[in-house]
Amino acid sequence: PVDVAAAILLEMRGPLAVGTISEELG
């Protein structure tokens, strides 16, 4: 489920640094 959340996040916001993904998903 967290993988899906990350894929949605990237689709909505575009390219992100790994650290930003980490912060956004806690």
PDB file of all heavy atoms in Angstrom:
ATOM      1  N   PRO A   1       0.807  -1.227   0.000  1.00  0.00           N
ATOM      2  CA  PRO A   1       0.000   0.000   0.000  1.00  0.00           C
ATOM      3  C   PRO A   1       0.840   1.276   0.000  1.00  0.00           C
ATOM      4  O   PRO A   1       0.501   2.247  -0.685  1.00  0.00           O
ATOM      5  CB  PRO A   1      -0.840  -0.130   1.273  1.00  0.00           C
ATOM      6  CG  PRO A   1      -1.005  -1.610   1.445  1.00  0.00           C
ATOM      7  CD  PRO A   1       0.330  -2.183   1.012  1.00  0.00           C
ATOM      8  N   VAL A   2       1.948   1.285   0.713  1.00  0.00           N
ATOM      9  CA  VAL A   2       2.801   2.480   0.739  1.00  0.00           C
ATOM     10  C   VAL A   2       3.462   2.714  -0.618  1.00  0.00           C
ATOM     11  O   VAL A   2       3.719   3.861  -0.999  1.00  0.00           O
ATOM     12  CB  VAL A   2       3.828   2.418   1.892  1.00  0.00           C
ATOM     13  CG1 VAL A   2       4.925   1.388   1.608  1.00  0.00           C
ATOM     14  CG2 VAL A   2       4.415   3.783   2.177  1.00  0.00           C
ATOM     15  N   ASP A   3       3.695   1.649  -1.380  1.00  0.00           N
ATOM     16  CA  ASP A   3       4.231   1.796  -2.732  1.00  0.00           C
ATOM     17  C   ASP A   3       3.232   2.535  -3.619  1.00  0.00           C
ATOM     18  O   ASP A   3       3.603   3.408  -4.416  1.00  0.00           O
ATOM     19  CB  ASP A   3       4.526   0.429  -3.368  1.00  0.00           C
ATOM     20  CG  ASP A   3       5.549  -0.404  -2.606  1.00  0.00           C
ATOM     21  OD1 ASP A   3       6.201   0.132  -1.698  1.00  0.00           O
ATOM     22  OD2 ASP A   3       5.679  -1.598  -2.935  1.00  0.00           O
ATOM     23  N   VAL A   4       1.960   2.172  -3.473  1.00  0.00           N
ATOM     24  CA  VAL A   4       0.909   2.834  -4.248  1.00  0.00           C
ATOM     25  C   VAL A   4       0.852   4.307  -3.861  1.00  0.00           C
ATOM     26  O   VAL A   4       0.752   5.179  -4.735  1.00  0.00           O
ATOM     27  CB  VAL A   4      -0.455   2.140  -4.034  1.00  0.00           C
ATOM     28  CG1 VAL A   4      -1.573   2.919  -4.711  1.00  0.00           C
ATOM     29  CG2 VAL A   4      -0.412   0.709  -4.560  1.00  0.00           C
ATOM     30  N   ALA A   5       0.941   4.585  -2.570  1.00  0.00           N
ATOM     31  CA  ALA A   5       0.925   5.983  -2.118  1.00  0.00           C
ATOM     32  C   ALA A   5       2.086   6.760  -2.731  1.00  0.00           C
ATOM     33  O   ALA A   5       1.914   7.902  -3.179  1.00  0.00           O
ATOM     34  CB  ALA A   5       0.975   6.044  -0.594  1.00  0.00           C
ATOM     35  N   ALA A   6       3.254   6.162  -2.779  1.00  0.00           N
ATOM     36  CA  ALA A   6       4.425   6.830  -3.359  1.00  0.00           C
ATOM     37  C   ALA A   6       4.238   7.059  -4.852  1.00  0.00           C
ATOM     38  O   ALA A   6       4.570   8.128  -5.373  1.00  0.00           O
ATOM     39  CB  ALA A   6       5.685   6.007  -3.104  1.00  0.00           C
ATOM     40  N   ALA A   7       3.698   6.073  -5.562  1.00  0.00           N
ATOM     41  CA  ALA A   7       3.475   6.220  -6.998  1.00  0.00           C
ATOM     42  C   ALA A   7       2.467   7.340  -7.265  1.00  0.00           C
ATOM     43  O   ALA A   7       2.660   8.156  -8.182  1.00  0.00           O
ATOM     44  CB  ALA A   7       2.984   4.896  -7.598  1.00  0.00           C
ATOM     45  N   ILE A   8       1.414   7.412  -6.449  1.00  0.00           N
ATOM     46  CA  ILE A   8       0.423   8.485  -6.595  1.00  0.00           C
ATOM     47  C   ILE A   8       1.077   9.836  -6.321  1.00  0.00           C
ATOM     48  O   ILE A   8       0.858  10.811  -7.051  1.00  0.00           O
ATOM     49  CB  ILE A   8      -0.773   8.245  -5.654  1.00  0.00           C
ATOM     50  CG1 ILE A   8      -1.556   7.008  -6.078  1.00  0.00           C
ATOM     51  CG2 ILE A   8      -1.694   9.471  -5.626  1.00  0.00           C
ATOM     52  CD1 ILE A   8      -2.567   6.540  -5.052  1.00  0.00           C
ATOM     53  N   LEU A   9       1.882   9.897  -5.272  1.00  0.00           N
ATOM     54  CA  LEU A   9       2.575  11.137  -4.912  1.00  0.00           C
ATOM     55  C   LEU A   9       3.437  11.627  -6.075  1.00  0.00           C
ATOM     56  O   LEU A   9       3.396  12.800  -6.446  1.00  0.00           O
ATOM     57  CB  LEU A   9       3.437  10.904  -3.664  1.00  0.00           C
ATOM     58  CG  LEU A   9       4.214  12.084  -3.136  1.00  0.00           C
ATOM     59  CD1 LEU A   9       3.276  13.126  -2.537  1.00  0.00           C
ATOM     60  CD2 LEU A   9       5.208  11.602  -2.070  1.00  0.00           C
ATOM     61  N   LEU A  10       4.188  10.716  -6.676  1.00  0.00           N
ATOM     62  CA  LEU A  10       5.050  11.078  -7.802  1.00  0.00           C
ATOM     63  C   LEU A  10       4.235  11.479  -9.030  1.00  0.00           C
ATOM     64  O   LEU A  10       4.603  12.401  -9.747  1.00  0.00           O
ATOM     65  CB  LEU A  10       5.996   9.929  -8.135  1.00  0.00           C
ATOM     66  CG  LEU A  10       7.107   9.730  -7.107  1.00  0.00           C
ATOM     67  CD1 LEU A  10       7.696   8.334  -7.215  1.00  0.00           C
ATOM     68  CD2 LEU A  10       8.179  10.787  -7.294  1.00  0.00           C
ATOM     69  N   GLU A  11       3.120  10.813  -9.241  1.00  0.00           N
ATOM     70  CA  GLU A  11       2.271  11.168 -10.375  1.00  0.00           C
ATOM     71  C   GLU A  11       1.696  12.576 -10.188  1.00  0.00           C
ATOM     72  O   GLU A  11       1.633  13.368 -11.126  1.00  0.00           O
ATOM     73  CB  GLU A  11       1.136  10.162 -10.531  1.00  0.00           C
ATOM     74  CG  GLU A  11       0.230  10.490 -11.704  1.00  0.00           C
ATOM     75  CD  GLU A  11      -1.007   9.622 -11.770  1.00  0.00           C
ATOM     76  OE1 GLU A  11      -1.616   9.355 -10.714  1.00  0.00           O
ATOM     77  OE2 GLU A  11      -1.365   9.236 -12.884  1.00  0.00           O
ATOM     78  N   MET A  12       1.297  12.898  -8.963  1.00  0.00           N
ATOM     79  CA  MET A  12       0.704  14.215  -8.694  1.00  0.00           C
ATOM     80  C   MET A  12       1.732  15.336  -8.718  1.00  0.00           C
ATOM     81  O   MET A  12       1.473  16.408  -9.254  1.00  0.00           O
ATOM     82  CB  MET A  12       0.021  14.217  -7.321  1.00  0.00           C
ATOM     83  CG  MET A  12      -1.234  13.394  -7.257  1.00  0.00           C
ATOM     84  SD  MET A  12      -2.150  13.504  -5.683  1.00  0.00           S
ATOM     85  CE  MET A  12      -0.943  13.861  -4.453  1.00  0.00           C
ATOM     86  N   ARG A  13       2.903  15.094  -8.136  1.00  0.00           N
ATOM     87  CA  ARG A  13       3.873  16.177  -7.946  1.00  0.00           C
ATOM     88  C   ARG A  13       5.027  16.159  -8.935  1.00  0.00           C
ATOM     89  O   ARG A  13       5.803  17.102  -8.992  1.00  0.00           O
ATOM     90  CB  ARG A  13       4.429  16.114  -6.534  1.00  0.00           C
ATOM     91  CG  ARG A  13       3.338  16.285  -5.508  1.00  0.00           C
ATOM     92  CD  ARG A  13       3.825  16.919  -4.269  1.00  0.00           C
ATOM     93  NE  ARG A  13       2.773  16.932  -3.283  1.00  0.00           N
ATOM     94  CZ  ARG A  13       2.965  16.753  -2.009  1.00  0.00           C
ATOM     95  NH1 ARG A  13       4.177  16.565  -1.553  1.00  0.00           N
ATOM     96  NH2 ARG A  13       1.955  16.791  -1.177  1.00  0.00           N
ATOM     97  N   GLY A  14       5.180  15.059  -9.661  1.00  0.00           N
ATOM     98  CA  GLY A  14       6.301  14.971 -10.580  1.00  0.00           C
ATOM     99  C   GLY A  14       7.551  14.490  -9.863  1.00  0.00           C
ATOM    100  O   GLY A  14       7.484  14.009  -8.730  1.00  0.00           O
ATOM    101  N   PRO A  15       8.705  14.607 -10.501  1.00  0.00           N
ATOM    102  CA  PRO A  15       9.951  14.089  -9.924  1.00  0.00           C
ATOM    103  C   PRO A  15      10.222  14.662  -8.527  1.00  0.00           C
ATOM    104  O   PRO A  15      10.030  15.854  -8.287  1.00  0.00           O
ATOM    105  CB  PRO A  15      11.018  14.556 -10.915  1.00  0.00           C
ATOM    106  CG  PRO A  15      10.282  14.743 -12.199  1.00  0.00           C
ATOM    107  CD  PRO A  15       8.906  15.227 -11.811  1.00  0.00           C
ATOM    108  N   LEU A  16      10.656  13.765  -7.638  1.00  0.00           N
ATOM    109  CA  LEU A  16      10.970  14.156  -6.264  1.00  0.00           C
ATOM    110  C   LEU A  16      12.272  13.496  -5.833  1.00  0.00           C
ATOM    111  O   LEU A  16      12.598  12.386  -6.267  1.00  0.00           O
ATOM    112  CB  LEU A  16       9.867  13.709  -5.301  1.00  0.00           C
ATOM    113  CG  LEU A  16       8.488  14.328  -5.466  1.00  0.00           C
ATOM    114  CD1 LEU A  16       7.481  13.628  -4.548  1.00  0.00           C
ATOM    115  CD2 LEU A  16       8.528  15.812  -5.173  1.00  0.00           C
ATOM    116  N   ALA A  17      12.980  14.161  -4.954  1.00  0.00           N
ATOM    117  CA  ALA A  17      14.165  13.556  -4.336  1.00  0.00           C
ATOM    118  C   ALA A  17      13.712  12.443  -3.404  1.00  0.00           C
ATOM    119  O   ALA A  17      12.613  12.490  -2.842  1.00  0.00           O
ATOM    120  CB  ALA A  17      14.940  14.616  -3.562  1.00  0.00           C
ATOM    121  N   VAL A  18      14.564  11.455  -3.224  1.00  0.00           N
ATOM    122  CA  VAL A  18      14.241  10.340  -2.338  1.00  0.00           C
ATOM    123  C   VAL A  18      13.926  10.863  -0.933  1.00  0.00           C
ATOM    124  O   VAL A  18      12.987  10.404  -0.281  1.00  0.00           O
ATOM    125  CB  VAL A  18      15.388   9.302  -2.312  1.00  0.00           C
ATOM    126  CG1 VAL A  18      15.112   8.213  -1.295  1.00  0.00           C
ATOM    127  CG2 VAL A  18      15.588   8.694  -3.690  1.00  0.00           C
ATOM    128  N   GLY A  19      14.675  11.845  -0.476  1.00  0.00           N
ATOM    129  CA  GLY A  19      14.442  12.419   0.845  1.00  0.00           C
ATOM    130  C   GLY A  19      13.069  13.059   0.971  1.00  0.00           C
ATOM    131  O   GLY A  19      12.430  12.986   2.025  1.00  0.00           O
ATOM    132  N   THR A  20      12.604  13.682  -0.095  1.00  0.00           N
ATOM    133  CA  THR A  20      11.272  14.297  -0.083  1.00  0.00           C
ATOM    134  C   THR A  20      10.194  13.223  -0.001  1.00  0.00           C
ATOM    135  O   THR A  20       9.216  13.366   0.747  1.00  0.00           O
ATOM    136  CB  THR A  20      11.072  15.173  -1.336  1.00  0.00           C
ATOM    137  OG1 THR A  20      12.093  16.160  -1.381  1.00  0.00           O
ATOM    138  CG2 THR A  20       9.711  15.833  -1.336  1.00  0.00           C
ATOM    139  N   ILE A  21      10.372  12.142  -0.734  1.00  0.00           N
ATOM    140  CA  ILE A  21       9.416  11.027  -0.664  1.00  0.00           C
ATOM    141  C   ILE A  21       9.390  10.486   0.760  1.00  0.00           C
ATOM    142  O   ILE A  21       8.322  10.239   1.330  1.00  0.00           O
ATOM    143  CB  ILE A  21       9.785   9.913  -1.665  1.00  0.00           C
ATOM    144  CG1 ILE A  21       9.693  10.437  -3.095  1.00  0.00           C
ATOM    145  CG2 ILE A  21       8.889   8.686  -1.472  1.00  0.00           C
ATOM    146  CD1 ILE A  21      10.297   9.504  -4.136  1.00  0.00           C
ATOM    147  N   SER A  22      10.560  10.328   1.335  1.00  0.00           N
ATOM    148  CA  SER A  22      10.678   9.843   2.708  1.00  0.00           C
ATOM    149  C   SER A  22       9.914  10.742   3.680  1.00  0.00           C
ATOM    150  O   SER A  22       9.142  10.266   4.513  1.00  0.00           O
ATOM    151  CB  SER A  22      12.159   9.770   3.086  1.00  0.00           C
ATOM    152  OG  SER A  22      12.319   9.286   4.383  1.00  0.00           O
ATOM    153  N   GLU A  23      10.109  12.051   3.553  1.00  0.00           N
ATOM    154  CA  GLU A  23       9.419  13.013   4.426  1.00  0.00           C
ATOM    155  C   GLU A  23       7.914  12.976   4.219  1.00  0.00           C
ATOM    156  O   GLU A  23       7.146  12.967   5.182  1.00  0.00           O
ATOM    157  CB  GLU A  23       9.921  14.428   4.148  1.00  0.00           C
ATOM    158  CG  GLU A  23      11.287  14.724   4.706  1.00  0.00           C
ATOM    159  CD  GLU A  23      11.754  16.126   4.322  1.00  0.00           C
ATOM    160  OE1 GLU A  23      10.888  17.012   4.129  1.00  0.00           O
ATOM    161  OE2 GLU A  23      12.965  16.319   4.203  1.00  0.00           O
ATOM    162  N   GLU A  24       7.485  12.985   2.967  1.00  0.00           N
ATOM    163  CA  GLU A  24       6.052  13.022   2.665  1.00  0.00           C
ATOM    164  C   GLU A  24       5.317  11.786   3.181  1.00  0.00           C
ATOM    165  O   GLU A  24       4.166  11.875   3.592  1.00  0.00           O
ATOM    166  CB  GLU A  24       5.819  13.153   1.156  1.00  0.00           C
ATOM    167  CG  GLU A  24       6.154  14.514   0.610  1.00  0.00           C
ATOM    168  CD  GLU A  24       5.189  15.587   1.077  1.00  0.00           C
ATOM    169  OE1 GLU A  24       3.975  15.318   1.202  1.00  0.00           O
ATOM    170  OE2 GLU A  24       5.651  16.711   1.319  1.00  0.00           O
ATOM    171  N   LEU A  25       5.984  10.636   3.128  1.00  0.00           N
ATOM    172  CA  LEU A  25       5.337   9.395   3.551  1.00  0.00           C
ATOM    173  C   LEU A  25       5.697   8.999   4.977  1.00  0.00           C
ATOM    174  O   LEU A  25       5.199   7.990   5.480  1.00  0.00           O
ATOM    175  CB  LEU A  25       5.681   8.264   2.578  1.00  0.00           C
ATOM    176  CG  LEU A  25       5.212   8.487   1.138  1.00  0.00           C
ATOM    177  CD1 LEU A  25       5.645   7.336   0.251  1.00  0.00           C
ATOM    178  CD2 LEU A  25       3.697   8.678   1.083  1.00  0.00           C
ATOM    179  N   GLY A  26       6.572   9.783   5.613  1.00  0.00           N
ATOM    180  CA  GLY A  26       6.942   9.500   7.001  1.00  0.00           C
ATOM    181  C   GLY A  26       7.720   8.209   7.160  1.00  0.00           C
ATOM    182  O   GLY A  26       7.542   7.490   8.142  1.00  0.00           O
TER     183      GLY A  26
END
